[in-house]
N, C-alpha and C. Protein backbone atom coordinates (compact mmCIF):
# COMPACT_ATOMS: atom_id res chain seq x y z
N MET A 1 43.45 -37.73 63.99
CA MET A 1 43.80 -36.38 63.67
C MET A 1 42.55 -35.58 63.23
N TRP A 2 41.76 -36.12 62.34
CA TRP A 2 40.55 -35.45 61.87
C TRP A 2 39.57 -35.24 63.03
N PHE A 3 39.47 -36.24 63.91
CA PHE A 3 38.59 -36.15 65.06
C PHE A 3 39.02 -35.02 65.99
N ASN A 4 40.32 -34.88 66.23
CA ASN A 4 40.82 -33.80 67.08
C ASN A 4 40.53 -32.43 66.49
N PHE A 5 40.62 -32.31 65.16
CA PHE A 5 40.31 -31.05 64.49
C PHE A 5 38.83 -30.70 64.67
N VAL A 6 37.95 -31.69 64.47
CA VAL A 6 36.51 -31.46 64.59
C VAL A 6 36.15 -31.10 66.03
N VAL A 7 36.74 -31.80 67.00
CA VAL A 7 36.47 -31.51 68.40
C VAL A 7 36.94 -30.11 68.75
N GLY A 8 38.05 -29.64 68.22
CA GLY A 8 38.56 -28.30 68.48
C GLY A 8 37.72 -27.22 67.82
N VAL A 9 37.11 -27.49 66.69
CA VAL A 9 36.31 -26.52 65.96
C VAL A 9 34.92 -26.40 66.58
N GLN A 10 34.42 -27.45 67.19
CA GLN A 10 33.05 -27.48 67.71
C GLN A 10 32.75 -26.34 68.69
N PRO A 11 33.60 -26.06 69.70
CA PRO A 11 33.28 -24.94 70.60
C PRO A 11 33.27 -23.60 69.88
N ALA A 12 34.18 -23.40 68.96
CA ALA A 12 34.20 -22.14 68.20
C ALA A 12 32.95 -21.99 67.35
N LEU A 13 32.52 -23.07 66.73
CA LEU A 13 31.30 -23.04 65.92
C LEU A 13 30.08 -22.76 66.79
N THR A 14 30.04 -23.34 67.97
CA THR A 14 28.93 -23.09 68.89
C THR A 14 28.88 -21.61 69.28
N ILE A 15 30.03 -21.03 69.55
CA ILE A 15 30.08 -19.60 69.92
C ILE A 15 29.61 -18.74 68.75
N VAL A 16 30.06 -19.06 67.54
CA VAL A 16 29.63 -18.30 66.35
C VAL A 16 28.12 -18.39 66.17
N LEU A 17 27.56 -19.59 66.35
CA LEU A 17 26.11 -19.76 66.19
C LEU A 17 25.33 -19.01 67.28
N ILE A 18 25.87 -18.96 68.48
CA ILE A 18 25.20 -18.21 69.54
C ILE A 18 25.24 -16.71 69.25
N VAL A 19 26.37 -16.21 68.76
CA VAL A 19 26.46 -14.79 68.39
C VAL A 19 25.51 -14.48 67.24
N LEU A 20 25.47 -15.34 66.23
CA LEU A 20 24.52 -15.16 65.12
C LEU A 20 23.09 -15.20 65.64
N GLY A 21 22.82 -16.11 66.54
CA GLY A 21 21.48 -16.20 67.12
C GLY A 21 21.09 -14.94 67.86
N ALA A 22 22.04 -14.35 68.59
CA ALA A 22 21.77 -13.10 69.29
C ALA A 22 21.45 -11.97 68.30
N GLY A 23 22.20 -11.92 67.21
CA GLY A 23 21.92 -10.91 66.17
C GLY A 23 20.55 -11.10 65.55
N PHE A 24 20.21 -12.34 65.24
CA PHE A 24 18.90 -12.62 64.67
C PHE A 24 17.79 -12.42 65.70
N LEU A 25 18.08 -12.61 66.99
CA LEU A 25 17.09 -12.33 68.03
C LEU A 25 16.72 -10.85 68.03
N VAL A 26 17.71 -9.98 67.87
CA VAL A 26 17.46 -8.54 67.79
C VAL A 26 16.64 -8.22 66.53
N ALA A 27 17.02 -8.81 65.40
CA ALA A 27 16.28 -8.58 64.15
C ALA A 27 14.85 -9.10 64.27
N ASN A 28 14.67 -10.25 64.89
CA ASN A 28 13.33 -10.82 65.07
C ASN A 28 12.48 -9.92 65.96
N ALA A 29 13.06 -9.43 67.04
CA ALA A 29 12.32 -8.54 67.94
C ALA A 29 11.90 -7.27 67.21
N ARG A 30 12.77 -6.75 66.37
CA ARG A 30 12.45 -5.54 65.60
C ARG A 30 11.30 -5.79 64.63
N LEU A 31 11.32 -6.93 63.94
CA LEU A 31 10.24 -7.25 63.00
C LEU A 31 8.91 -7.49 63.72
N ILE A 32 8.96 -8.14 64.87
CA ILE A 32 7.73 -8.37 65.64
C ILE A 32 7.17 -7.03 66.11
N LEU A 33 8.03 -6.15 66.59
CA LEU A 33 7.59 -4.83 67.04
C LEU A 33 6.97 -4.03 65.89
N GLU A 34 7.58 -4.08 64.71
CA GLU A 34 7.01 -3.39 63.54
C GLU A 34 5.64 -3.94 63.19
N TYR A 35 5.47 -5.26 63.26
CA TYR A 35 4.18 -5.85 62.92
C TYR A 35 3.12 -5.47 63.95
N VAL A 36 3.49 -5.44 65.22
CA VAL A 36 2.54 -5.02 66.26
C VAL A 36 2.13 -3.57 66.04
N ARG A 37 3.08 -2.71 65.68
CA ARG A 37 2.75 -1.31 65.37
C ARG A 37 1.80 -1.23 64.18
N PHE A 38 2.03 -2.06 63.19
CA PHE A 38 1.13 -2.09 62.03
C PHE A 38 -0.28 -2.49 62.44
N LEU A 39 -0.40 -3.51 63.29
CA LEU A 39 -1.72 -3.96 63.73
C LEU A 39 -2.48 -2.83 64.44
N ARG A 40 -1.76 -2.01 65.20
CA ARG A 40 -2.41 -0.88 65.88
C ARG A 40 -2.81 0.22 64.90
N ARG A 41 -2.02 0.42 63.86
CA ARG A 41 -2.26 1.53 62.93
C ARG A 41 -3.18 1.18 61.76
N ARG A 42 -3.41 -0.07 61.50
CA ARG A 42 -4.10 -0.42 60.26
C ARG A 42 -5.53 0.11 60.18
N ARG A 43 -6.16 0.38 61.30
CA ARG A 43 -7.51 0.96 61.27
C ARG A 43 -7.49 2.38 60.72
N GLY A 44 -6.36 3.05 60.85
CA GLY A 44 -6.21 4.41 60.37
C GLY A 44 -5.61 4.52 58.99
N ALA A 45 -5.74 3.47 58.19
CA ALA A 45 -5.17 3.48 56.84
C ALA A 45 -5.97 4.40 55.93
N LEU A 46 -5.26 5.25 55.19
CA LEU A 46 -5.90 6.16 54.25
C LEU A 46 -5.71 5.69 52.80
N LEU A 47 -4.49 5.32 52.46
CA LEU A 47 -4.17 4.83 51.12
C LEU A 47 -3.01 3.85 51.26
N ILE A 48 -3.30 2.56 51.10
CA ILE A 48 -2.28 1.53 51.31
C ILE A 48 -2.30 0.54 50.15
N TRP A 49 -1.22 -0.24 50.05
CA TRP A 49 -1.10 -1.28 49.03
C TRP A 49 -0.16 -2.35 49.58
N PRO A 50 -0.20 -3.55 48.98
CA PRO A 50 0.67 -4.63 49.46
C PRO A 50 2.15 -4.32 49.25
N SER A 51 2.96 -4.84 50.14
CA SER A 51 4.41 -4.67 50.02
C SER A 51 4.93 -5.51 48.86
N PRO A 52 5.84 -4.98 48.07
CA PRO A 52 6.43 -5.80 47.02
C PRO A 52 7.36 -6.84 47.62
N LYS A 53 7.42 -8.00 47.00
CA LYS A 53 8.33 -9.04 47.48
C LYS A 53 9.77 -8.61 47.18
N PRO A 54 10.64 -8.82 48.14
CA PRO A 54 12.04 -8.42 47.93
C PRO A 54 12.71 -9.33 46.91
N PRO A 55 13.82 -8.88 46.33
CA PRO A 55 14.55 -9.76 45.43
C PRO A 55 15.02 -11.00 46.19
N TYR A 56 15.04 -12.10 45.53
CA TYR A 56 15.48 -13.38 46.10
C TYR A 56 14.58 -13.85 47.24
N TYR A 57 13.31 -13.49 47.19
CA TYR A 57 12.37 -13.90 48.21
C TYR A 57 12.25 -15.43 48.28
N GLY A 58 12.21 -16.08 47.13
CA GLY A 58 12.13 -17.55 47.09
C GLY A 58 13.34 -18.19 47.74
N LEU A 59 14.51 -17.61 47.53
CA LEU A 59 15.73 -18.12 48.15
C LEU A 59 15.66 -17.99 49.67
N ALA A 60 15.13 -16.87 50.15
CA ALA A 60 14.99 -16.68 51.59
C ALA A 60 14.05 -17.73 52.19
N LEU A 61 12.96 -18.04 51.50
CA LEU A 61 12.06 -19.08 51.99
C LEU A 61 12.73 -20.45 51.96
N ALA A 62 13.53 -20.71 50.94
CA ALA A 62 14.25 -21.99 50.87
C ALA A 62 15.25 -22.11 52.02
N ILE A 63 15.91 -21.01 52.35
CA ILE A 63 16.82 -21.01 53.50
C ILE A 63 16.04 -21.33 54.78
N GLY A 64 14.84 -20.77 54.91
CA GLY A 64 14.00 -21.05 56.06
C GLY A 64 13.63 -22.52 56.17
N VAL A 65 13.31 -23.15 55.05
CA VAL A 65 12.97 -24.58 55.04
C VAL A 65 14.18 -25.42 55.46
N VAL A 66 15.33 -25.13 54.88
CA VAL A 66 16.56 -25.87 55.22
C VAL A 66 16.89 -25.70 56.70
N LEU A 67 16.76 -24.48 57.20
CA LEU A 67 17.02 -24.25 58.62
C LEU A 67 16.02 -24.99 59.51
N GLY A 68 14.78 -25.12 59.04
CA GLY A 68 13.79 -25.89 59.79
C GLY A 68 14.20 -27.34 59.95
N PHE A 69 14.67 -27.94 58.85
CA PHE A 69 15.16 -29.32 58.92
C PHE A 69 16.38 -29.43 59.84
N LEU A 70 17.27 -28.45 59.77
CA LEU A 70 18.47 -28.46 60.60
C LEU A 70 18.12 -28.34 62.09
N VAL A 71 17.20 -27.44 62.42
CA VAL A 71 16.77 -27.29 63.82
C VAL A 71 16.14 -28.59 64.31
N PHE A 72 15.27 -29.17 63.51
CA PHE A 72 14.63 -30.44 63.89
C PHE A 72 15.69 -31.52 64.13
N TYR A 73 16.64 -31.63 63.23
CA TYR A 73 17.69 -32.65 63.35
C TYR A 73 18.53 -32.43 64.62
N LYS A 74 18.93 -31.17 64.86
CA LYS A 74 19.75 -30.90 66.05
C LYS A 74 18.99 -31.16 67.35
N LEU A 75 17.73 -30.80 67.39
CA LEU A 75 16.97 -30.96 68.62
C LEU A 75 16.53 -32.40 68.87
N VAL A 76 16.02 -33.07 67.83
CA VAL A 76 15.44 -34.40 68.00
C VAL A 76 16.49 -35.50 67.91
N VAL A 77 17.34 -35.46 66.91
CA VAL A 77 18.30 -36.54 66.69
C VAL A 77 19.54 -36.36 67.54
N LEU A 78 20.17 -35.18 67.45
CA LEU A 78 21.43 -34.95 68.18
C LEU A 78 21.21 -34.54 69.64
N ARG A 79 20.01 -34.07 69.95
CA ARG A 79 19.68 -33.60 71.31
C ARG A 79 20.65 -32.51 71.78
N ARG A 80 20.85 -31.51 70.91
CA ARG A 80 21.72 -30.38 71.21
C ARG A 80 20.92 -29.09 71.10
N GLN A 81 21.48 -28.03 71.62
CA GLN A 81 20.81 -26.73 71.51
C GLN A 81 20.89 -26.23 70.07
N ALA A 82 19.90 -25.45 69.67
CA ALA A 82 19.87 -24.92 68.31
C ALA A 82 19.40 -23.46 68.35
N PHE A 83 19.96 -22.70 69.29
CA PHE A 83 19.54 -21.30 69.45
C PHE A 83 19.80 -20.48 68.20
N GLY A 84 21.01 -20.49 67.70
CA GLY A 84 21.35 -19.70 66.52
C GLY A 84 20.54 -20.10 65.30
N GLU A 85 20.48 -21.40 65.06
CA GLU A 85 19.73 -21.89 63.91
C GLU A 85 18.23 -21.62 64.08
N GLY A 86 17.75 -21.71 65.32
CA GLY A 86 16.33 -21.45 65.59
C GLY A 86 15.96 -20.00 65.32
N MET A 87 16.82 -19.07 65.72
CA MET A 87 16.55 -17.64 65.48
C MET A 87 16.58 -17.34 63.98
N MET A 88 17.52 -17.97 63.26
CA MET A 88 17.57 -17.76 61.81
C MET A 88 16.34 -18.38 61.13
N PHE A 89 15.92 -19.55 61.61
CA PHE A 89 14.71 -20.19 61.08
C PHE A 89 13.49 -19.30 61.30
N LEU A 90 13.36 -18.76 62.50
CA LEU A 90 12.23 -17.88 62.81
C LEU A 90 12.22 -16.67 61.87
N TYR A 91 13.39 -16.11 61.62
CA TYR A 91 13.49 -14.93 60.75
C TYR A 91 13.09 -15.25 59.31
N TYR A 92 13.72 -16.28 58.74
CA TYR A 92 13.49 -16.58 57.31
C TYR A 92 12.15 -17.25 57.04
N ALA A 93 11.70 -18.12 57.93
CA ALA A 93 10.49 -18.89 57.65
C ALA A 93 9.21 -18.18 58.07
N TYR A 94 9.27 -17.35 59.12
CA TYR A 94 8.04 -16.74 59.63
C TYR A 94 8.02 -15.23 59.57
N LEU A 95 9.05 -14.58 60.07
CA LEU A 95 8.99 -13.14 60.23
C LEU A 95 9.21 -12.37 58.93
N LEU A 96 10.02 -12.87 58.05
CA LEU A 96 10.19 -12.22 56.75
C LEU A 96 8.88 -12.23 55.96
N PRO A 97 8.18 -13.38 55.85
CA PRO A 97 6.86 -13.35 55.19
C PRO A 97 5.83 -12.51 55.96
N LEU A 98 5.90 -12.51 57.29
CA LEU A 98 4.97 -11.72 58.09
C LEU A 98 5.18 -10.23 57.83
N ASN A 99 6.42 -9.82 57.66
CA ASN A 99 6.74 -8.43 57.37
C ASN A 99 6.13 -7.97 56.04
N LEU A 100 5.94 -8.88 55.11
CA LEU A 100 5.32 -8.53 53.83
C LEU A 100 3.83 -8.22 53.98
N ARG A 101 3.23 -8.61 55.09
CA ARG A 101 1.82 -8.30 55.32
C ARG A 101 1.60 -6.85 55.76
N ILE A 102 2.68 -6.18 56.14
CA ILE A 102 2.57 -4.77 56.51
C ILE A 102 2.29 -3.98 55.23
N ARG A 103 1.17 -3.29 55.20
CA ARG A 103 0.78 -2.51 54.03
C ARG A 103 1.51 -1.18 54.04
N ARG A 104 2.21 -0.89 52.97
CA ARG A 104 2.92 0.38 52.83
C ARG A 104 1.94 1.44 52.35
N GLY A 105 2.23 2.68 52.69
CA GLY A 105 1.39 3.76 52.22
C GLY A 105 1.14 4.81 53.28
N PHE A 106 -0.06 5.39 53.23
CA PHE A 106 -0.41 6.55 54.05
C PHE A 106 -1.44 6.17 55.11
N TYR A 107 -1.14 6.59 56.33
CA TYR A 107 -2.03 6.34 57.47
C TYR A 107 -2.42 7.68 58.07
N GLU A 108 -3.35 7.68 59.01
CA GLU A 108 -3.80 8.93 59.61
C GLU A 108 -2.67 9.71 60.26
N ASP A 109 -1.70 9.00 60.85
CA ASP A 109 -0.66 9.69 61.60
C ASP A 109 0.72 9.65 60.95
N GLY A 110 0.84 9.09 59.75
CA GLY A 110 2.16 9.07 59.12
C GLY A 110 2.22 8.26 57.85
N ILE A 111 3.43 8.09 57.35
CA ILE A 111 3.70 7.37 56.12
C ILE A 111 4.50 6.13 56.46
N TRP A 112 4.01 4.96 56.01
CA TRP A 112 4.77 3.74 56.20
C TRP A 112 5.60 3.52 54.95
N ALA A 113 6.88 3.89 55.04
CA ALA A 113 7.80 3.77 53.91
C ALA A 113 8.25 2.32 53.79
N ASP A 114 9.14 2.06 52.84
CA ASP A 114 9.58 0.69 52.59
C ASP A 114 10.32 0.09 53.78
N GLN A 115 10.95 0.90 54.61
CA GLN A 115 11.72 0.37 55.73
C GLN A 115 11.16 0.69 57.10
N SER A 116 10.42 1.78 57.25
CA SER A 116 9.93 2.15 58.57
C SER A 116 8.79 3.14 58.46
N PHE A 117 8.21 3.46 59.61
CA PHE A 117 7.10 4.40 59.71
C PHE A 117 7.64 5.78 60.06
N ILE A 118 7.11 6.81 59.38
CA ILE A 118 7.53 8.19 59.64
C ILE A 118 6.27 9.00 59.96
N PRO A 119 6.16 9.50 61.19
CA PRO A 119 5.01 10.37 61.51
C PRO A 119 5.05 11.64 60.67
N TYR A 120 3.88 12.19 60.39
CA TYR A 120 3.82 13.39 59.55
C TYR A 120 4.60 14.55 60.15
N ASN A 121 4.60 14.67 61.48
CA ASN A 121 5.29 15.81 62.09
C ASN A 121 6.81 15.70 61.98
N GLU A 122 7.34 14.55 61.58
CA GLU A 122 8.78 14.39 61.38
C GLU A 122 9.20 14.61 59.94
N VAL A 123 8.24 14.77 59.03
CA VAL A 123 8.57 14.94 57.61
C VAL A 123 9.11 16.35 57.40
N GLY A 124 10.35 16.42 56.92
CA GLY A 124 10.98 17.71 56.67
C GLY A 124 11.03 18.07 55.19
N GLY A 125 10.82 17.10 54.34
CA GLY A 125 10.83 17.34 52.91
C GLY A 125 10.39 16.10 52.16
N ILE A 126 9.86 16.30 50.97
CA ILE A 126 9.45 15.19 50.12
C ILE A 126 9.86 15.47 48.69
N SER A 127 10.05 14.40 47.96
CA SER A 127 10.40 14.51 46.55
C SER A 127 9.89 13.26 45.84
N TRP A 128 9.66 13.36 44.55
CA TRP A 128 9.20 12.22 43.76
C TRP A 128 10.27 11.83 42.76
N ARG A 129 10.44 10.56 42.56
CA ARG A 129 11.32 10.03 41.51
C ARG A 129 10.49 9.07 40.67
N GLU A 130 10.35 9.40 39.40
CA GLU A 130 9.50 8.61 38.52
C GLU A 130 10.30 7.52 37.81
N GLY A 131 9.72 6.32 37.80
CA GLY A 131 10.31 5.19 37.12
C GLY A 131 9.36 4.66 36.06
N GLU A 132 9.72 3.54 35.47
CA GLU A 132 8.92 2.98 34.39
C GLU A 132 7.62 2.35 34.89
N HIS A 133 7.68 1.58 35.98
CA HIS A 133 6.50 0.85 36.47
C HIS A 133 5.99 1.37 37.80
N GLN A 134 6.74 2.26 38.42
CA GLN A 134 6.31 2.81 39.70
C GLN A 134 6.95 4.17 39.91
N VAL A 135 6.43 4.86 40.90
CA VAL A 135 6.95 6.15 41.29
C VAL A 135 7.45 6.00 42.73
N THR A 136 8.53 6.65 43.06
CA THR A 136 9.08 6.54 44.40
C THR A 136 8.96 7.88 45.11
N LEU A 137 8.33 7.86 46.27
CA LEU A 137 8.26 9.03 47.12
C LEU A 137 9.47 8.98 48.06
N ILE A 138 10.24 10.05 48.08
CA ILE A 138 11.38 10.15 48.98
C ILE A 138 10.98 11.08 50.11
N VAL A 139 11.01 10.54 51.32
CA VAL A 139 10.60 11.29 52.50
C VAL A 139 11.84 11.60 53.33
N ILE A 140 12.08 12.88 53.57
CA ILE A 140 13.25 13.30 54.34
C ILE A 140 12.78 13.64 55.75
N SER A 141 13.43 13.03 56.70
CA SER A 141 13.08 13.24 58.11
C SER A 141 13.71 14.52 58.61
N ARG A 142 12.96 15.26 59.42
CA ARG A 142 13.51 16.48 60.00
C ARG A 142 14.29 16.17 61.27
N LEU A 143 14.07 15.01 61.89
CA LEU A 143 14.74 14.66 63.14
C LEU A 143 16.03 13.88 62.92
N ARG A 144 16.04 13.06 61.89
CA ARG A 144 17.23 12.24 61.60
C ARG A 144 17.75 12.65 60.23
N THR A 145 19.02 12.52 60.03
CA THR A 145 19.60 12.89 58.74
C THR A 145 19.54 11.68 57.81
N LEU A 146 18.33 11.33 57.43
CA LEU A 146 18.17 10.22 56.51
C LEU A 146 16.90 10.41 55.70
N ALA A 147 16.85 9.70 54.61
CA ALA A 147 15.67 9.72 53.75
C ALA A 147 15.13 8.31 53.63
N ARG A 148 13.83 8.19 53.60
CA ARG A 148 13.16 6.90 53.42
C ARG A 148 12.44 6.91 52.09
N HIS A 149 12.35 5.74 51.48
CA HIS A 149 11.70 5.60 50.19
C HIS A 149 10.38 4.85 50.34
N LEU A 150 9.41 5.25 49.52
CA LEU A 150 8.14 4.55 49.45
C LEU A 150 7.82 4.33 47.99
N ALA A 151 7.83 3.08 47.57
CA ALA A 151 7.49 2.75 46.18
C ALA A 151 5.97 2.83 46.04
N VAL A 152 5.51 3.75 45.20
CA VAL A 152 4.08 3.98 45.01
C VAL A 152 3.68 3.40 43.66
N PRO A 153 2.74 2.45 43.63
CA PRO A 153 2.27 1.94 42.33
C PRO A 153 1.65 3.06 41.50
N LEU A 154 1.79 2.95 40.20
CA LEU A 154 1.29 4.01 39.31
C LEU A 154 -0.19 4.29 39.50
N GLU A 155 -0.98 3.26 39.78
CA GLU A 155 -2.43 3.46 39.95
C GLU A 155 -2.75 4.26 41.22
N ASN A 156 -1.82 4.40 42.14
CA ASN A 156 -2.05 5.15 43.38
C ASN A 156 -1.33 6.50 43.39
N TYR A 157 -0.63 6.83 42.31
CA TYR A 157 0.19 8.03 42.27
C TYR A 157 -0.63 9.30 42.46
N SER A 158 -1.70 9.49 41.70
CA SER A 158 -2.48 10.73 41.81
C SER A 158 -3.17 10.82 43.17
N ALA A 159 -3.66 9.71 43.68
CA ALA A 159 -4.29 9.73 45.01
C ALA A 159 -3.26 10.07 46.09
N ALA A 160 -2.03 9.58 45.94
CA ALA A 160 -0.98 9.88 46.91
C ALA A 160 -0.63 11.37 46.88
N ARG A 161 -0.53 11.94 45.69
CA ARG A 161 -0.23 13.38 45.59
C ARG A 161 -1.36 14.21 46.20
N ARG A 162 -2.60 13.82 45.93
CA ARG A 162 -3.75 14.53 46.48
C ARG A 162 -3.75 14.44 48.02
N LEU A 163 -3.47 13.27 48.53
CA LEU A 163 -3.45 13.07 49.98
C LEU A 163 -2.34 13.90 50.64
N LEU A 164 -1.17 13.94 50.02
CA LEU A 164 -0.08 14.76 50.55
C LEU A 164 -0.44 16.24 50.54
N ARG A 165 -1.10 16.70 49.48
CA ARG A 165 -1.53 18.10 49.43
C ARG A 165 -2.50 18.41 50.57
N GLU A 166 -3.42 17.48 50.85
CA GLU A 166 -4.37 17.68 51.96
C GLU A 166 -3.64 17.73 53.29
N LYS A 167 -2.68 16.85 53.49
CA LYS A 167 -1.94 16.81 54.76
C LYS A 167 -1.13 18.10 54.94
N ILE A 168 -0.59 18.63 53.85
CA ILE A 168 0.14 19.89 53.93
C ILE A 168 -0.82 21.04 54.20
N ALA A 169 -1.97 21.05 53.53
CA ALA A 169 -2.96 22.10 53.74
C ALA A 169 -3.50 22.09 55.18
N ASN A 170 -3.64 20.91 55.76
CA ASN A 170 -4.11 20.78 57.14
C ASN A 170 -2.99 20.98 58.16
N HIS A 171 -1.79 21.26 57.69
CA HIS A 171 -0.59 21.48 58.51
C HIS A 171 -0.17 20.24 59.29
N ASP A 172 -0.53 19.05 58.79
CA ASP A 172 -0.01 17.81 59.37
C ASP A 172 1.46 17.65 58.97
N ILE A 173 1.76 18.06 57.73
CA ILE A 173 3.14 18.11 57.24
C ILE A 173 3.49 19.58 57.12
N HIS A 174 4.60 19.94 57.75
CA HIS A 174 4.96 21.35 57.81
C HIS A 174 6.43 21.50 57.39
N PHE A 175 6.66 22.25 56.31
CA PHE A 175 8.02 22.42 55.79
C PHE A 175 8.70 23.69 56.27
N MET A 176 7.99 24.62 56.87
CA MET A 176 8.61 25.87 57.31
C MET A 176 9.72 25.58 58.30
N GLY A 177 10.77 26.35 58.22
CA GLY A 177 11.91 26.16 59.12
C GLY A 177 12.92 25.17 58.58
N THR A 178 12.71 24.67 57.37
CA THR A 178 13.66 23.72 56.80
C THR A 178 14.55 24.39 55.76
N GLY A 179 14.45 25.70 55.62
CA GLY A 179 15.28 26.42 54.66
C GLY A 179 15.03 27.91 54.81
N LEU A 180 15.39 28.70 53.81
CA LEU A 180 15.20 30.14 53.83
C LEU A 180 13.73 30.44 53.54
N ASP A 181 13.03 31.03 54.50
CA ASP A 181 11.60 31.31 54.35
C ASP A 181 11.41 32.82 54.24
N LEU A 182 10.94 33.26 53.08
CA LEU A 182 10.68 34.67 52.86
C LEU A 182 9.20 35.00 52.96
N GLY A 183 8.37 34.03 53.38
CA GLY A 183 6.96 34.27 53.62
C GLY A 183 6.08 34.18 52.39
N GLU A 184 6.62 33.95 51.21
CA GLU A 184 5.82 33.92 50.00
C GLU A 184 5.81 32.53 49.37
N HIS A 185 5.87 31.52 50.20
CA HIS A 185 5.98 30.15 49.69
C HIS A 185 4.75 29.36 50.11
N ASP A 186 4.10 28.72 49.14
CA ASP A 186 2.98 27.84 49.44
C ASP A 186 3.51 26.43 49.58
N GLU A 187 3.40 25.87 50.78
CA GLU A 187 3.95 24.56 51.08
C GLU A 187 3.34 23.47 50.20
N ARG A 188 2.11 23.64 49.74
CA ARG A 188 1.47 22.62 48.92
C ARG A 188 2.16 22.43 47.58
N GLU A 189 2.96 23.41 47.18
CA GLU A 189 3.71 23.30 45.94
C GLU A 189 4.86 22.29 46.04
N GLU A 190 5.22 21.90 47.27
CA GLU A 190 6.27 20.92 47.49
C GLU A 190 5.89 19.55 46.95
N VAL A 191 4.60 19.28 46.88
CA VAL A 191 4.12 17.97 46.41
C VAL A 191 4.29 17.93 44.92
């Protein structure tokens, strides 16, 4: 009876792992693409700093190690496919730490926020939120209805404000057309 239950569950589990693997394949491709974009842009870095480690980073690495053992066991001992587990292993063990190598901050052509890159010509608004150990720059996109956050270390706060003022003065960041413009507004005051 137990054997029949396990045999019946096995195909369903295989399908679930393949679907999970497909989802992680998309996530892995996205992280690889982001890292390649970073490699192209890093020569144009103006003011950057290391990415903060996400909460539970150690747990994510532990999951990667466990998945590595599981993939090895399935491939070598059981001689079965391990697509889903392999994609999850790649994500947790390699690509998540690789993503931390992307330096957040300001580049010649845009701002690398905590989640993605925003070209200066897409910036529709900015705001600062001050915290105890860091300041957060909130960047509002003019093309998408979303805001991105960039955690700025306190030691880089004044340099970041100065850099934003320069980008606004050079018209790399342009706020006109994002509200009621009566012609008497200095865009540099937005910083």
